[in-house]
Protein backbone atom coordinates (compact mmCIF):
# COMPACT_ATOMS: atom_id res chain seq x y z
CA MET A 1 0.03 -0.20 -0.18
CA ASP A 2 1.44 3.84 -0.78
CA ASP A 3 0.80 6.52 0.28
CA THR A 4 -2.34 7.18 -1.65
CA ASP A 5 -4.38 4.83 -0.42
CA THR A 6 -4.01 6.54 2.90
CA MET A 7 -7.37 8.81 4.47
CA GLN A 8 -6.05 11.83 6.35
CA ILE A 9 -8.31 14.11 7.99
CA GLY A 10 -7.81 17.61 9.92
CA LYS A 11 -7.52 21.42 9.47
CA ASP A 12 -6.42 23.38 6.54
CA SER A 13 -4.14 25.94 7.67
CA GLU A 14 -4.81 28.79 5.56
CA ASP A 15 -8.45 28.83 6.02
CA ASN A 16 -9.14 26.36 8.42
CA GLN A 17 -11.58 24.37 6.70
CA TRP A 18 -11.64 20.47 7.90
CA LEU A 19 -9.37 18.57 4.65
CA ILE A 20 -9.65 15.16 3.93
CA VAL A 21 -7.29 13.14 1.47
CA ILE A 22 -8.83 9.79 0.42
CA LYS A 23 -6.87 8.35 -2.19
CA GLU A 24 -5.59 11.58 -3.60
CA ASN A 25 -9.16 12.83 -3.49
CA VAL A 26 -8.92 15.84 -2.14
CA VAL A 27 -12.19 17.23 0.05
CA HIS A 28 -13.05 20.95 1.29
CA LEU A 29 -15.86 20.98 4.58
CA ASN A 30 -17.02 24.14 5.63
CA LYS A 31 -17.99 22.65 8.86
CA GLU A 32 -17.79 19.46 11.83
CA ASP A 33 -21.08 18.22 11.26
CA ASP A 34 -20.00 17.53 7.50
CA LEU A 35 -17.53 15.79 8.62
CA LEU A 36 -19.72 12.83 9.09
CA GLU A 37 -21.23 13.04 5.46
CA ALA A 38 -18.36 12.56 4.34
CA LYS A 39 -17.35 9.77 5.96
CA SER A 40 -16.00 6.31 4.66
CA PRO A 41 -15.93 2.07 5.25
CA ALA A 42 -13.06 1.39 7.57
CA TRP A 43 -12.98 -1.90 5.35
CA VAL A 44 -13.82 -2.59 1.87
CA ASP A 45 -13.04 -6.05 0.46
CA GLU A 46 -12.47 -5.83 -3.14
CA ASP A 47 -13.01 -9.06 -4.00
CA ASP A 48 -16.78 -9.35 -2.66
CA SER A 49 -17.12 -8.19 -6.14
CA ASN A 50 -15.46 -11.05 -7.74
CA VAL A 51 -17.38 -13.80 -6.12
CA ARG A 52 -20.60 -15.24 -7.01
CA VAL A 53 -22.76 -17.00 -4.11
CA ASP A 54 -25.25 -20.22 -5.87
CA VAL A 55 -28.00 -18.75 -3.79
CA THR A 56 -29.44 -22.14 -4.25
CA SER A 57 -27.29 -24.33 -1.99
CA GLU A 58 -28.69 -23.39 1.17
CA ASN A 59 -32.37 -23.25 1.50
CA ARG A 60 -32.38 -19.91 3.59
CA LEU A 61 -30.23 -18.24 1.16
CA LYS A 62 -33.24 -18.44 -2.02
CA LYS A 63 -34.38 -15.15 -0.52
CA PHE A 64 -32.00 -13.63 -1.58
CA ARG A 65 -32.37 -14.53 -5.24
CA ASP A 66 -32.69 -12.63 -8.27
CA GLY A 67 -36.06 -13.50 -10.75
CA GLY A 68 -34.56 -16.51 -12.11
CA ASP A 69 -30.62 -16.10 -11.68
CA ASP A 70 -29.45 -18.72 -9.51
CA THR A 71 -26.18 -16.69 -8.44
CA ILE A 72 -25.58 -13.19 -7.29
CA SER A 73 -22.68 -11.47 -7.03
CA GLY A 74 -21.02 -10.82 -3.81
CA ASP A 75 -21.81 -7.20 -3.46
CA ALA A 76 -25.49 -7.79 -4.33
CA LEU A 77 -25.64 -10.30 -1.83
CA LYS A 78 -23.73 -7.80 1.09
CA LYS A 79 -26.72 -5.34 0.03
CA LYS A 80 -29.27 -7.91 0.70
CA LEU A 81 -27.62 -8.85 3.83
CA GLU A 82 -28.12 -5.35 5.09
CA THR A 83 -31.38 -4.34 3.37
CA GLN A 84 -32.94 -7.77 5.53
CA PHE A 85 -30.81 -6.69 8.94
CA LYS A 86 -32.25 -3.06 8.78
CA LYS A 87 -35.61 -4.68 7.81
CA ILE A 88 -35.97 -6.95 11.07
CA TYR A 89 -33.11 -4.81 13.70
CA GLY A 90 -33.69 -1.15 11.86
CA VAL A 91 -30.35 1.10 12.43
CA PRO A 92 -28.41 0.25 15.48
CA ALA A 93 -28.00 3.32 17.02
CA TRP A 94 -24.22 3.37 17.48
CA ALA A 95 -24.06 2.86 13.72
CA SER A 96 -26.57 5.99 13.23
CA GLU A 97 -24.65 9.46 11.62
CA THR A 98 -25.97 11.54 13.62
CA LEU A 99 -24.54 13.28 16.74
CA ARG A 100 -25.99 14.53 19.66
CA SER A 101 -24.32 18.03 21.23
CA ALA A 102 -23.65 18.00 25.41
CA LYS A 103 -25.93 20.45 25.95
CA GLN A 104 -29.06 18.38 24.33
CA SER A 105 -27.80 15.47 26.41
CA ASP A 106 -27.82 16.72 29.62
CA GLU A 107 -30.96 18.22 29.21
CA GLU A 108 -32.30 14.41 28.21
CA GLU A 109 -30.75 13.87 31.34
CA ASP A 110 -32.54 16.09 33.86
CA GLN A 111 -35.44 15.22 32.31
CA GLU A 112 -34.92 11.34 33.09
CA ASP A 113 -33.91 12.30 36.89
CA ASN A 114 -37.08 14.80 36.76
CA GLU A 115 -39.61 11.84 35.41
CA ILE A 116 -37.88 9.52 38.61
CA LEU A 117 -38.91 12.56 41.03
CA GLN A 118 -41.97 13.06 40.15
CA ARG A 119 -43.03 9.15 40.05
CA ALA A 120 -41.05 8.68 43.29
CA GLY A 121 -41.83 12.63 44.85
CA SER A 122 -45.09 10.91 46.87
CA PHE A 123 -42.88 7.82 48.52
CA ILE A 124 -40.06 11.20 49.68
CA SER A 125 -42.33 13.86 50.60
CA LYS A 126 -45.41 12.13 52.79
CA LYS A 127 -45.33 9.89 55.35
CA ILE A 128 -47.13 6.89 55.14
CA GLY A 129 -47.30 4.00 57.10
CA HIS A 130 -46.89 1.49 54.45
CA LEU A 131 -46.15 1.35 50.42
CA PRO A 132 -48.95 0.93 48.26
CA LYS A 133 -50.19 -2.16 47.06
CA GLY A 134 -47.89 -3.36 43.39
CA ILE A 135 -44.53 -1.56 44.49
CA ILE A 136 -42.63 -4.93 45.95
CA ASP A 137 -43.93 -7.50 44.68
CA ILE A 138 -43.40 -10.62 47.24
CA GLY A 139 -43.73 -13.97 47.24
CA ASN A 140 -42.26 -16.78 49.66
CA MET A 141 -39.44 -18.89 48.09
CA LYS A 142 -39.04 -22.36 49.46
CA ASP A 143 -35.86 -23.61 50.48
CA ALA A 144 -34.09 -19.76 49.85
CA ASN A 145 -32.88 -20.53 53.44
CA CYS A 146 -31.81 -24.15 53.05
CA SER A 147 -28.46 -23.72 54.40
CA LYS A 148 -29.60 -22.14 57.62
CA PRO A 149 -33.05 -22.75 57.83
CA PHE A 150 -35.09 -20.31 60.09
CA ASP A 151 -38.48 -17.95 59.93
CA VAL A 152 -38.51 -14.95 58.80
CA SER A 153 -40.27 -12.69 61.19
CA GLU A 154 -39.00 -8.89 59.71
CA VAL A 155 -37.48 -7.35 56.19
CA PHE A 156 -35.80 -4.39 56.20
CA PHE A 157 -35.40 -1.48 53.38
CA THR A 158 -32.88 0.89 52.96
CA CYS A 159 -32.81 4.10 50.47
CA ILE A 160 -29.74 4.55 48.99
CA ALA A 161 -29.38 8.63 47.95
CA LYS A 162 -26.61 8.93 44.37
CA ASP A 163 -24.59 11.73 44.28
């Protein structure tokens, strides 16, 4: 591999724009957000285009058949597998190209904290003798304390505050 096959990312010293060099192609970007749009795959297998896959060899591959063709190219199979994955699982969160700013994530955390406090507020602010039914489920477990059998007469719950 020669130097032209590498990818370099950095700021241009003259006009402070982002500069990307990929295989001797130079791309100037004006915003950091544009950097996401210019990303290329981390690894590409050139042999995928040379491979032919027999989709009749196994039953699980028959769904990828195009019309009457018994074989498809590696690139076509890759695209069909990606489409199938996205159809079943959707786009994973780590693969999405949107960045949330630190401010947005802080606001979301604050909102989550507020939601928790709203739901737990009645337990914190009011003095009640017992918890309402359905908050804690208690059930008998057979032989839970079989190593040292004794009758359980009391249970204590403590609240541990997080900083």
